[in-house]
Amino acid sequence: MKAKALSAVATALLLAVMAVALPFSVPKLFGYQIYNVLTQSMEPAMPVGSAIYVKRCDPQALRQGEIITFRLSEATGLVE
């Protein structure tokens, strides 16, 4: 009986770890990068501490009002 209880606890812990890991691992398989909002610069739309998922897109597909991210290229100093 004690072995069944330990097995149930171990299974529950494994499921909990998987539930926490999935939002951080599965999106990467589809080309998303995960970032955290570190400053108040995106408030009120995204509060400090928010996790954001970013994926490259065609700039022509963007619409007014959409939130974007960008980064500077180390090689050229230009925005990618």
C-alpha atoms as a PDB file:
ATOM      1  CA  MET A   1       0.000   0.000   0.000  1.00  0.00           C
ATOM      2  CA  LYS A   2       2.856   2.393   0.829  1.00  0.00           C
ATOM      3  CA  ALA A   3       4.436   1.717  -2.574  1.00  0.00           C
ATOM      4  CA  LYS A   4       1.189   2.682  -4.342  1.00  0.00           C
ATOM      5  CA  ALA A   5       1.018   5.947  -2.406  1.00  0.00           C
ATOM      6  CA  LEU A   6       4.643   6.799  -3.260  1.00  0.00           C
ATOM      7  CA  SER A   7       4.011   5.930  -6.889  1.00  0.00           C
ATOM      8  CA  ALA A   8       0.972   8.216  -6.961  1.00  0.00           C
ATOM      9  CA  VAL A   9       2.968  11.070  -5.398  1.00  0.00           C
ATOM     10  CA  ALA A  10       5.821  10.556  -7.872  1.00  0.00           C
ATOM     11  CA  THR A  11       3.371  10.564 -10.776  1.00  0.00           C
ATOM     12  CA  ALA A  12       1.727  13.745  -9.516  1.00  0.00           C
ATOM     13  CA  LEU A  13       5.109  15.468  -9.166  1.00  0.00           C
ATOM     14  CA  LEU A  14       6.138  14.395 -12.666  1.00  0.00           C
ATOM     15  CA  LEU A  15       2.883  15.720 -14.122  1.00  0.00           C
ATOM     16  CA  ALA A  16       3.338  19.010 -12.259  1.00  0.00           C
ATOM     17  CA  VAL A  17       6.870  19.442 -13.619  1.00  0.00           C
ATOM     18  CA  MET A  18       5.644  18.673 -17.139  1.00  0.00           C
ATOM     19  CA  ALA A  19       2.784  21.167 -16.792  1.00  0.00           C
ATOM     20  CA  VAL A  20       5.247  23.895 -15.784  1.00  0.00           C
ATOM     21  CA  ALA A  21       7.765  23.003 -18.535  1.00  0.00           C
ATOM     22  CA  LEU A  22       5.345  22.760 -21.486  1.00  0.00           C
ATOM     23  CA  PRO A  23       4.657  26.508 -21.898  1.00  0.00           C
ATOM     24  CA  PHE A  24       8.419  27.102 -22.084  1.00  0.00           C
ATOM     25  CA  SER A  25       9.445  24.224 -24.338  1.00  0.00           C
ATOM     26  CA  VAL A  26       6.674  23.561 -26.869  1.00  0.00           C
ATOM     27  CA  PRO A  27       6.580  27.107 -28.345  1.00  0.00           C
ATOM     28  CA  LYS A  28      10.301  26.838 -29.172  1.00  0.00           C
ATOM     29  CA  LEU A  29       9.495  23.882 -31.417  1.00  0.00           C
ATOM     30  CA  PHE A  30       7.353  26.235 -33.507  1.00  0.00           C
ATOM     31  CA  GLY A  31       9.961  29.007 -33.787  1.00  0.00           C
ATOM     32  CA  TYR A  32       8.908  31.217 -30.882  1.00  0.00           C
ATOM     33  CA  GLN A  33      11.341  32.855 -28.495  1.00  0.00           C
ATOM     34  CA  ILE A  34      10.251  33.560 -24.933  1.00  0.00           C
ATOM     35  CA  TYR A  35      11.069  36.821 -23.171  1.00  0.00           C
ATOM     36  CA  ASN A  36      10.047  38.477 -19.922  1.00  0.00           C
ATOM     37  CA  VAL A  37       8.975  42.100 -19.692  1.00  0.00           C
ATOM     38  CA  LEU A  38      11.580  43.634 -17.376  1.00  0.00           C
ATOM     39  CA  THR A  39      10.534  47.280 -17.269  1.00  0.00           C
ATOM     40  CA  GLN A  40       7.351  49.342 -17.241  1.00  0.00           C
ATOM     41  CA  SER A  41       7.901  50.410 -20.851  1.00  0.00           C
ATOM     42  CA  MET A  42       5.118  48.144 -22.163  1.00  0.00           C
ATOM     43  CA  GLU A  43       2.492  48.944 -19.533  1.00  0.00           C
ATOM     44  CA  PRO A  44      -0.489  48.937 -19.399  1.00  0.00           C
ATOM     45  CA  ALA A  45      -0.678  46.371 -22.229  1.00  0.00           C
ATOM     46  CA  MET A  46       1.931  44.092 -20.627  1.00  0.00           C
ATOM     47  CA  PRO A  47       2.834  44.449 -16.962  1.00  0.00           C
ATOM     48  CA  VAL A  48       6.341  43.905 -15.609  1.00  0.00           C
ATOM     49  CA  GLY A  49       7.031  40.184 -15.233  1.00  0.00           C
ATOM     50  CA  SER A  50       4.841  39.106 -18.154  1.00  0.00           C
ATOM     51  CA  ALA A  51       6.116  36.299 -20.370  1.00  0.00           C
ATOM     52  CA  ILE A  52       5.872  37.118 -24.067  1.00  0.00           C
ATOM     53  CA  TYR A  53       6.204  34.780 -27.028  1.00  0.00           C
ATOM     54  CA  VAL A  54       7.881  36.284 -30.098  1.00  0.00           C
ATOM     55  CA  LYS A  55       8.105  34.897 -33.634  1.00  0.00           C
ATOM     56  CA  ARG A  56       9.566  36.432 -36.764  1.00  0.00           C
ATOM     57  CA  CYS A  57       7.042  37.585 -39.322  1.00  0.00           C
ATOM     58  CA  ASP A  58       6.809  39.399 -42.611  1.00  0.00           C
ATOM     59  CA  PRO A  59       6.745  43.123 -41.809  1.00  0.00           C
ATOM     60  CA  GLN A  60       4.157  43.616 -44.558  1.00  0.00           C
ATOM     61  CA  ALA A  61       1.744  41.386 -42.586  1.00  0.00           C
ATOM     62  CA  LEU A  62       1.738  43.724 -39.562  1.00  0.00           C
ATOM     63  CA  ARG A  63      -1.324  45.813 -38.838  1.00  0.00           C
ATOM     64  CA  GLN A  64      -1.665  49.092 -37.010  1.00  0.00           C
ATOM     65  CA  GLY A  65      -1.894  48.625 -33.241  1.00  0.00           C
ATOM     66  CA  GLU A  66      -0.012  45.317 -33.100  1.00  0.00           C
ATOM     67  CA  ILE A  67       2.788  45.038 -30.564  1.00  0.00           C
ATOM     68  CA  ILE A  68       6.199  44.292 -32.071  1.00  0.00           C
ATOM     69  CA  THR A  69       9.680  43.540 -30.839  1.00  0.00           C
ATOM     70  CA  PHE A  70      12.962  44.222 -32.592  1.00  0.00           C
ATOM     71  CA  ARG A  71      16.649  43.800 -31.988  1.00  0.00           C
ATOM     72  CA  LEU A  72      19.815  45.374 -33.290  1.00  0.00           C
ATOM     73  CA  SER A  73      22.105  43.255 -35.406  1.00  0.00           C
ATOM     74  CA  GLU A  74      25.509  42.932 -33.732  1.00  0.00           C
ATOM     75  CA  ALA A  75      27.290  42.803 -37.085  1.00  0.00           C
ATOM     76  CA  THR A  76      25.755  45.877 -38.702  1.00  0.00           C
ATOM     77  CA  GLY A  77      24.129  47.836 -35.912  1.00  0.00           C
ATOM     78  CA  LEU A  78      20.934  47.792 -37.996  1.00  0.00           C
ATOM     79  CA  VAL A  79      17.517  46.690 -36.823  1.00  0.00           C
ATOM     80  CA  GLU A  80      16.593  43.136 -37.810  1.00  0.00           C
END
